[in-house]
Amino acid sequence: MKSAQSWSKIFPKPEEGDDDCVAVSRHLSFDLLIEGYFHGFFPWPHEGVDGFPWFSPDPRAVLFFDELHIPRSLAKTFRKSAGHWRVTRNQAFSRVIEECKLAYRPGQGGTWISAEMQAQYQALHREGYAHSLEVWEGSELIAGIYGVYAGFAFSAESMFHKCTGASKFAVIELCKALQARGLTFLDIQMLTPHLELLGAREISRSDFLKFRPRSLLTALEFS
């Protein structure tokens, strides 16, 4: 277990800024990512910004597991797919992050997942901080989601899907897996209609940071 300071020596307190973007780093590193996530920040590259902007949005979007909602139409899709879809964890992390990088996203000119980000998140994965959940149909990877665990929350970073309903299925399976490991919510950072449909909602940044513990767990068992 790695001890943590009362506040970061690297990152400013979020309330000291006037924007959700609280810092910009020239590069990413293993230690910087761990420090950032533990204090509620995440990097989110933007076009026209040199380096890696770090965000701590207020409000923050989360999905509490006891508020998870599966719409009737989605449940019907899942029933039809029963026996065809297979779930694994941490079996194809590199493929998941690559698929997320390549996924078409309306309104975005390109991907924000750079080669540097891929390399650093793979380093987090090797040390047990970053994890993936995969959905397969036969031998085809049809959906996946990856994120970072840093002591108090699993922060979902990105997801992709190739079949209708598969990404929501991945989120639901991720919630179940995390709940079984003692977590109470999924940090989704920014609210989207896609996840609001499943019960996600916004809470204040101060309420989000109240979940932050006084020490940092070294890893999350997610096999």
C-alpha atoms as a PDB file:
ATOM      1  CA  MET A   1       0.000   0.000   0.000  1.00  0.00           C
ATOM      2  CA  LYS A   2       1.359   3.374  -1.025  1.00  0.00           C
ATOM      3  CA  SER A   3       0.693   6.309   1.286  1.00  0.00           C
ATOM      4  CA  ALA A   4      -0.756   9.520  -0.114  1.00  0.00           C
ATOM      5  CA  GLN A   5      -0.298  13.158   0.809  1.00  0.00           C
ATOM      6  CA  SER A   6      -3.294  15.166   2.030  1.00  0.00           C
ATOM      7  CA  TRP A   7      -3.142  16.816  -1.377  1.00  0.00           C
ATOM      8  CA  SER A   8      -0.993  16.454  -4.446  1.00  0.00           C
ATOM      9  CA  LYS A   9       2.384  18.146  -4.686  1.00  0.00           C
ATOM     10  CA  ILE A  10       1.995  18.149  -8.474  1.00  0.00           C
ATOM     11  CA  PHE A  11      -1.625  19.047  -9.189  1.00  0.00           C
ATOM     12  CA  PRO A  12      -3.420  22.174  -7.957  1.00  0.00           C
ATOM     13  CA  LYS A  13      -6.604  21.907  -5.972  1.00  0.00           C
ATOM     14  CA  PRO A  14      -9.469  21.865  -8.499  1.00  0.00           C
ATOM     15  CA  GLU A  15     -11.366  24.671  -6.787  1.00  0.00           C
ATOM     16  CA  GLU A  16      -8.410  27.013  -7.281  1.00  0.00           C
ATOM     17  CA  GLY A  17      -9.050  27.126 -11.032  1.00  0.00           C
ATOM     18  CA  ASP A  18     -11.790  28.776 -13.049  1.00  0.00           C
ATOM     19  CA  ASP A  19     -12.245  25.868 -15.445  1.00  0.00           C
ATOM     20  CA  ASP A  20     -12.630  22.099 -15.471  1.00  0.00           C
ATOM     21  CA  CYS A  21      -9.162  21.973 -17.038  1.00  0.00           C
ATOM     22  CA  VAL A  22      -6.820  22.500 -14.107  1.00  0.00           C
ATOM     23  CA  ALA A  23      -3.383  21.696 -15.523  1.00  0.00           C
ATOM     24  CA  VAL A  24      -1.451  20.803 -18.666  1.00  0.00           C
ATOM     25  CA  SER A  25       1.528  18.441 -18.768  1.00  0.00           C
ATOM     26  CA  ARG A  26       3.997  18.174 -21.629  1.00  0.00           C
ATOM     27  CA  HIS A  27       4.117  14.381 -21.381  1.00  0.00           C
ATOM     28  CA  LEU A  28       2.524  11.498 -19.503  1.00  0.00           C
ATOM     29  CA  SER A  29       4.279   9.125 -17.141  1.00  0.00           C
ATOM     30  CA  PHE A  30       3.308   6.199 -14.956  1.00  0.00           C
ATOM     31  CA  ASP A  31       3.709   8.190 -11.724  1.00  0.00           C
ATOM     32  CA  LEU A  32       1.923  11.240 -13.105  1.00  0.00           C
ATOM     33  CA  LEU A  33      -1.094   9.162 -14.143  1.00  0.00           C
ATOM     34  CA  ILE A  34      -1.327   7.447 -10.756  1.00  0.00           C
ATOM     35  CA  GLU A  35      -1.002  10.771  -8.956  1.00  0.00           C
ATOM     36  CA  GLY A  36      -3.618  12.363 -11.186  1.00  0.00           C
ATOM     37  CA  TYR A  37      -6.242   9.651 -10.981  1.00  0.00           C
ATOM     38  CA  PHE A  38      -5.855   9.308  -7.220  1.00  0.00           C
ATOM     39  CA  HIS A  39      -6.644  13.009  -6.859  1.00  0.00           C
ATOM     40  CA  GLY A  40      -9.614  12.879  -9.221  1.00  0.00           C
ATOM     41  CA  PHE A  41      -7.964  14.164 -12.414  1.00  0.00           C
ATOM     42  CA  PHE A  42      -7.768  12.575 -15.845  1.00  0.00           C
ATOM     43  CA  PRO A  43      -5.917  13.570 -19.040  1.00  0.00           C
ATOM     44  CA  TRP A  44      -8.043  14.478 -22.027  1.00  0.00           C
ATOM     45  CA  PRO A  45      -6.142  15.763 -25.079  1.00  0.00           C
ATOM     46  CA  HIS A  46      -7.820  18.480 -27.106  1.00  0.00           C
ATOM     47  CA  GLU A  47      -7.090  19.656 -30.617  1.00  0.00           C
ATOM     48  CA  GLY A  48      -5.035  22.824 -30.590  1.00  0.00           C
ATOM     49  CA  VAL A  49      -3.652  22.245 -27.092  1.00  0.00           C
ATOM     50  CA  ASP A  50       0.016  21.347 -26.899  1.00  0.00           C
ATOM     51  CA  GLY A  51       0.541  18.597 -24.350  1.00  0.00           C
ATOM     52  CA  PHE A  52      -1.999  16.829 -22.165  1.00  0.00           C
ATOM     53  CA  PRO A  53      -4.752  18.859 -20.461  1.00  0.00           C
ATOM     54  CA  TRP A  54      -5.889  17.437 -17.103  1.00  0.00           C
ATOM     55  CA  PHE A  55      -9.523  17.730 -16.088  1.00  0.00           C
ATOM     56  CA  SER A  56     -11.491  17.567 -12.873  1.00  0.00           C
ATOM     57  CA  PRO A  57     -15.045  18.362 -14.035  1.00  0.00           C
ATOM     58  CA  ASP A  58     -17.682  19.859 -11.814  1.00  0.00           C
ATOM     59  CA  PRO A  59     -20.161  18.210 -11.860  1.00  0.00           C
ATOM     60  CA  ARG A  60     -18.722  14.709 -12.251  1.00  0.00           C
ATOM     61  CA  ALA A  61     -20.662  11.874 -13.885  1.00  0.00           C
ATOM     62  CA  VAL A  62     -20.885   8.565 -12.017  1.00  0.00           C
ATOM     63  CA  LEU A  63     -22.941   5.397 -12.134  1.00  0.00           C
ATOM     64  CA  PHE A  64     -23.784   4.029  -8.697  1.00  0.00           C
ATOM     65  CA  PHE A  65     -24.211   0.296  -8.894  1.00  0.00           C
ATOM     66  CA  ASP A  66     -27.368   0.286  -6.785  1.00  0.00           C
ATOM     67  CA  GLU A  67     -28.904   2.709  -9.320  1.00  0.00           C
ATOM     68  CA  LEU A  68     -28.020   0.660 -12.399  1.00  0.00           C
ATOM     69  CA  HIS A  69     -31.031   0.465 -14.710  1.00  0.00           C
ATOM     70  CA  ILE A  70     -31.460  -1.926 -17.634  1.00  0.00           C
ATOM     71  CA  PRO A  71     -34.203  -0.704 -20.007  1.00  0.00           C
ATOM     72  CA  ARG A  72     -36.689  -3.311 -21.170  1.00  0.00           C
ATOM     73  CA  SER A  73     -35.627  -3.018 -24.814  1.00  0.00           C
ATOM     74  CA  LEU A  74     -31.998  -3.544 -23.847  1.00  0.00           C
ATOM     75  CA  ALA A  75     -32.845  -6.546 -21.683  1.00  0.00           C
ATOM     76  CA  LYS A  76     -34.588  -8.046 -24.727  1.00  0.00           C
ATOM     77  CA  THR A  77     -31.430  -7.576 -26.796  1.00  0.00           C
ATOM     78  CA  PHE A  78     -29.367  -9.263 -24.099  1.00  0.00           C
ATOM     79  CA  ARG A  79     -31.734 -12.237 -23.962  1.00  0.00           C
ATOM     80  CA  LYS A  80     -31.433 -12.705 -27.719  1.00  0.00           C
ATOM     81  CA  SER A  81     -27.654 -12.627 -27.398  1.00  0.00           C
ATOM     82  CA  ALA A  82     -27.505 -15.059 -24.464  1.00  0.00           C
ATOM     83  CA  GLY A  83     -25.196 -17.898 -25.328  1.00  0.00           C
ATOM     84  CA  HIS A  84     -23.600 -15.934 -28.168  1.00  0.00           C
ATOM     85  CA  TRP A  85     -21.747 -13.230 -26.251  1.00  0.00           C
ATOM     86  CA  ARG A  86     -18.851 -14.116 -23.985  1.00  0.00           C
ATOM     87  CA  VAL A  87     -17.215 -11.815 -21.425  1.00  0.00           C
ATOM     88  CA  THR A  88     -13.544 -11.775 -20.454  1.00  0.00           C
ATOM     89  CA  ARG A  89     -11.459  -9.433 -18.326  1.00  0.00           C
ATOM     90  CA  ASN A  90      -7.905  -8.289 -19.005  1.00  0.00           C
ATOM     91  CA  GLN A  91      -7.546 -10.753 -21.867  1.00  0.00           C
ATOM     92  CA  ALA A  92      -7.124  -8.228 -24.689  1.00  0.00           C
ATOM     93  CA  PHE A  93      -6.211  -4.885 -23.125  1.00  0.00           C
ATOM     94  CA  SER A  94      -4.011  -3.750 -26.021  1.00  0.00           C
ATOM     95  CA  ARG A  95      -6.677  -4.678 -28.573  1.00  0.00           C
ATOM     96  CA  VAL A  96      -9.390  -2.857 -26.638  1.00  0.00           C
ATOM     97  CA  ILE A  97      -7.447   0.389 -26.415  1.00  0.00           C
ATOM     98  CA  GLU A  98      -6.524   0.113 -30.111  1.00  0.00           C
ATOM     99  CA  GLU A  99     -10.171  -0.447 -31.087  1.00  0.00           C
ATOM    100  CA  CYS A 100     -11.168   2.557 -28.970  1.00  0.00           C
ATOM    101  CA  LYS A 101      -8.540   4.599 -30.782  1.00  0.00           C
ATOM    102  CA  LEU A 102      -9.869   3.562 -34.197  1.00  0.00           C
ATOM    103  CA  ALA A 103     -13.589   3.820 -33.391  1.00  0.00           C
ATOM    104  CA  TYR A 104     -15.544   6.393 -35.382  1.00  0.00           C
ATOM    105  CA  ARG A 105     -17.101   9.041 -33.141  1.00  0.00           C
ATOM    106  CA  PRO A 106     -19.521  11.541 -34.732  1.00  0.00           C
ATOM    107  CA  GLY A 107     -18.434  15.133 -34.323  1.00  0.00           C
ATOM    108  CA  GLN A 108     -14.797  14.280 -33.647  1.00  0.00           C
ATOM    109  CA  GLY A 109     -12.159  14.966 -36.256  1.00  0.00           C
ATOM    110  CA  GLY A 110      -9.846  12.260 -34.990  1.00  0.00           C
ATOM    111  CA  THR A 111      -8.833  10.209 -32.013  1.00  0.00           C
ATOM    112  CA  TRP A 112      -7.569  11.656 -28.742  1.00  0.00           C
ATOM    113  CA  ILE A 113      -5.784   8.400 -27.870  1.00  0.00           C
ATOM    114  CA  SER A 114      -2.193   9.015 -28.919  1.00  0.00           C
ATOM    115  CA  ALA A 115       0.655   6.519 -29.119  1.00  0.00           C
ATOM    116  CA  GLU A 116       2.084   8.011 -25.927  1.00  0.00           C
ATOM    117  CA  MET A 117      -1.217   7.498 -24.124  1.00  0.00           C
ATOM    118  CA  GLN A 118      -1.428   3.912 -25.343  1.00  0.00           C
ATOM    119  CA  ALA A 119       2.069   3.145 -24.088  1.00  0.00           C
ATOM    120  CA  GLN A 120       1.487   4.674 -20.664  1.00  0.00           C
ATOM    121  CA  TYR A 121      -1.885   3.000 -20.125  1.00  0.00           C
ATOM    122  CA  GLN A 122      -0.355  -0.321 -21.100  1.00  0.00           C
ATOM    123  CA  ALA A 123       2.283   0.316 -18.426  1.00  0.00           C
ATOM    124  CA  LEU A 124      -0.527   0.926 -15.920  1.00  0.00           C
ATOM    125  CA  HIS A 125      -2.135  -2.316 -17.062  1.00  0.00           C
ATOM    126  CA  ARG A 126       1.043  -4.314 -16.483  1.00  0.00           C
ATOM    127  CA  GLU A 127       1.173  -3.055 -12.897  1.00  0.00           C
ATOM    128  CA  GLY A 128      -2.501  -3.764 -12.160  1.00  0.00           C
ATOM    129  CA  TYR A 129      -3.886  -0.222 -12.315  1.00  0.00           C
ATOM    130  CA  ALA A 130      -5.533  -0.236 -15.759  1.00  0.00           C
ATOM    131  CA  HIS A 131      -7.995  -2.926 -16.790  1.00  0.00           C
ATOM    132  CA  SER A 132     -10.190  -3.962 -19.679  1.00  0.00           C
ATOM    133  CA  LEU A 133     -13.392  -5.893 -20.125  1.00  0.00           C
ATOM    134  CA  GLU A 134     -14.044  -7.593 -23.441  1.00  0.00           C
ATOM    135  CA  VAL A 135     -17.192  -8.902 -25.123  1.00  0.00           C
ATOM    136  CA  TRP A 136     -16.775 -11.603 -27.750  1.00  0.00           C
ATOM    137  CA  GLU A 137     -19.029 -13.263 -30.279  1.00  0.00           C
ATOM    138  CA  GLY A 138     -17.188 -16.413 -31.186  1.00  0.00           C
ATOM    139  CA  SER A 139     -13.622 -15.327 -31.863  1.00  0.00           C
ATOM    140  CA  GLU A 140     -14.600 -11.748 -32.779  1.00  0.00           C
ATOM    141  CA  LEU A 141     -14.062  -8.928 -30.301  1.00  0.00           C
ATOM    142  CA  ILE A 142     -17.338  -6.994 -30.610  1.00  0.00           C
ATOM    143  CA  ALA A 143     -17.065  -4.572 -27.679  1.00  0.00           C
ATOM    144  CA  GLY A 144     -14.708  -3.485 -24.968  1.00  0.00           C
ATOM    145  CA  ILE A 145     -14.075  -0.905 -22.299  1.00  0.00           C
ATOM    146  CA  TYR A 146     -10.937   0.075 -20.428  1.00  0.00           C
ATOM    147  CA  GLY A 147     -10.202   2.283 -17.474  1.00  0.00           C
ATOM    148  CA  VAL A 148      -8.014   3.046 -14.485  1.00  0.00           C
ATOM    149  CA  TYR A 149      -8.349   2.092 -10.831  1.00  0.00           C
ATOM    150  CA  ALA A 150      -6.500   4.272  -8.335  1.00  0.00           C
ATOM    151  CA  GLY A 151      -7.645   3.450  -4.847  1.00  0.00           C
ATOM    152  CA  PHE A 152     -11.252   4.593  -4.676  1.00  0.00           C
ATOM    153  CA  ALA A 153     -12.845   4.581  -8.121  1.00  0.00           C
ATOM    154  CA  PHE A 154     -12.622   2.844 -11.460  1.00  0.00           C
ATOM    155  CA  SER A 155     -12.498   5.595 -14.067  1.00  0.00           C
ATOM    156  CA  ALA A 156     -13.842   4.397 -17.410  1.00  0.00           C
ATOM    157  CA  GLU A 157     -11.715   5.936 -20.142  1.00  0.00           C
ATOM    158  CA  SER A 158     -13.146   4.742 -23.431  1.00  0.00           C
ATOM    159  CA  MET A 159     -15.196   2.006 -25.049  1.00  0.00           C
ATOM    160  CA  PHE A 160     -16.100   0.702 -28.477  1.00  0.00           C
ATOM    161  CA  HIS A 161     -18.680  -1.612 -29.989  1.00  0.00           C
ATOM    162  CA  LYS A 162     -19.356  -3.374 -33.281  1.00  0.00           C
ATOM    163  CA  CYS A 163     -22.830  -4.752 -32.487  1.00  0.00           C
ATOM    164  CA  THR A 164     -25.987  -3.003 -31.283  1.00  0.00           C
ATOM    165  CA  GLY A 165     -26.216  -3.053 -27.506  1.00  0.00           C
ATOM    166  CA  ALA A 166     -22.764  -4.550 -27.009  1.00  0.00           C
ATOM    167  CA  SER A 167     -21.176  -1.464 -25.433  1.00  0.00           C
ATOM    168  CA  LYS A 168     -24.008  -1.119 -22.902  1.00  0.00           C
ATOM    169  CA  PHE A 169     -23.653  -4.825 -22.177  1.00  0.00           C
ATOM    170  CA  ALA A 170     -19.945  -4.231 -21.520  1.00  0.00           C
ATOM    171  CA  VAL A 171     -20.720  -1.390 -19.104  1.00  0.00           C
ATOM    172  CA  ILE A 172     -23.244  -3.509 -17.208  1.00  0.00           C
ATOM    173  CA  GLU A 173     -20.825  -6.432 -16.962  1.00  0.00           C
ATOM    174  CA  LEU A 174     -18.096  -4.055 -15.784  1.00  0.00           C
ATOM    175  CA  CYS A 175     -20.374  -2.701 -13.059  1.00  0.00           C
ATOM    176  CA  LYS A 176     -21.149  -6.232 -11.890  1.00  0.00           C
ATOM    177  CA  ALA A 177     -17.468  -7.165 -11.787  1.00  0.00           C
ATOM    178  CA  LEU A 178     -16.477  -4.045  -9.865  1.00  0.00           C
ATOM    179  CA  GLN A 179     -19.353  -4.398  -7.414  1.00  0.00           C
ATOM    180  CA  ALA A 180     -18.245  -7.975  -6.709  1.00  0.00           C
ATOM    181  CA  ARG A 181     -14.861  -6.515  -5.751  1.00  0.00           C
ATOM    182  CA  GLY A 182     -16.304  -4.085  -3.240  1.00  0.00           C
ATOM    183  CA  LEU A 183     -16.607  -0.911  -5.293  1.00  0.00           C
ATOM    184  CA  THR A 184     -19.832   1.102  -5.205  1.00  0.00           C
ATOM    185  CA  PHE A 185     -19.772   3.193  -8.379  1.00  0.00           C
ATOM    186  CA  LEU A 186     -18.217   3.647 -11.804  1.00  0.00           C
ATOM    187  CA  ASP A 187     -16.606   6.985 -12.609  1.00  0.00           C
ATOM    188  CA  ILE A 188     -17.642   7.910 -16.141  1.00  0.00           C
ATOM    189  CA  GLN A 189     -16.267  11.460 -15.909  1.00  0.00           C
ATOM    190  CA  MET A 190     -18.674  13.156 -18.341  1.00  0.00           C
ATOM    191  CA  LEU A 191     -22.384  12.364 -18.660  1.00  0.00           C
ATOM    192  CA  THR A 192     -23.630  11.006 -21.989  1.00  0.00           C
ATOM    193  CA  PRO A 193     -27.170   9.995 -23.047  1.00  0.00           C
ATOM    194  CA  HIS A 194     -25.792   6.506 -23.683  1.00  0.00           C
ATOM    195  CA  LEU A 195     -24.900   6.050 -19.994  1.00  0.00           C
ATOM    196  CA  GLU A 196     -27.654   8.212 -18.545  1.00  0.00           C
ATOM    197  CA  LEU A 197     -30.003   5.578 -19.955  1.00  0.00           C
ATOM    198  CA  LEU A 198     -28.363   3.065 -17.598  1.00  0.00           C
ATOM    199  CA  GLY A 199     -28.807   5.280 -14.536  1.00  0.00           C
ATOM    200  CA  ALA A 200     -25.689   7.446 -14.597  1.00  0.00           C
ATOM    201  CA  ARG A 201     -26.006  10.907 -13.087  1.00  0.00           C
ATOM    202  CA  GLU A 202     -23.929  13.882 -12.061  1.00  0.00           C
ATOM    203  CA  ILE A 203     -22.666  14.700  -8.590  1.00  0.00           C
ATOM    204  CA  SER A 204     -20.626  17.672  -7.444  1.00  0.00           C
ATOM    205  CA  ARG A 205     -16.860  17.500  -7.635  1.00  0.00           C
ATOM    206  CA  SER A 206     -16.622  17.947  -3.875  1.00  0.00           C
ATOM    207  CA  ASP A 207     -18.942  14.979  -3.309  1.00  0.00           C
ATOM    208  CA  PHE A 208     -16.907  12.888  -5.747  1.00  0.00           C
ATOM    209  CA  LEU A 209     -13.666  13.678  -3.938  1.00  0.00           C
ATOM    210  CA  LYS A 210     -15.179  12.671  -0.598  1.00  0.00           C
ATOM    211  CA  PHE A 211     -14.838   9.066  -1.772  1.00  0.00           C
ATOM    212  CA  ARG A 212     -11.075   9.504  -2.024  1.00  0.00           C
ATOM    213  CA  PRO A 213      -9.329   7.474   0.719  1.00  0.00           C
ATOM    214  CA  ARG A 214      -6.216   8.369   2.655  1.00  0.00           C
ATOM    215  CA  SER A 215      -4.101   5.660   1.072  1.00  0.00           C
ATOM    216  CA  LEU A 216      -3.614   4.280  -2.406  1.00  0.00           C
ATOM    217  CA  LEU A 217      -4.109   0.574  -3.058  1.00  0.00           C
ATOM    218  CA  THR A 218      -1.374  -0.809  -5.268  1.00  0.00           C
ATOM    219  CA  ALA A 219      -3.598  -2.815  -7.605  1.00  0.00           C
ATOM    220  CA  LEU A 220      -7.041  -4.252  -8.261  1.00  0.00           C
ATOM    221  CA  GLU A 221      -7.467  -7.982  -8.836  1.00  0.00           C
ATOM    222  CA  PHE A 222      -9.527  -8.127 -12.028  1.00  0.00           C
ATOM    223  CA  SER A 223      -8.895 -11.478 -13.662  1.00  0.00           C
END
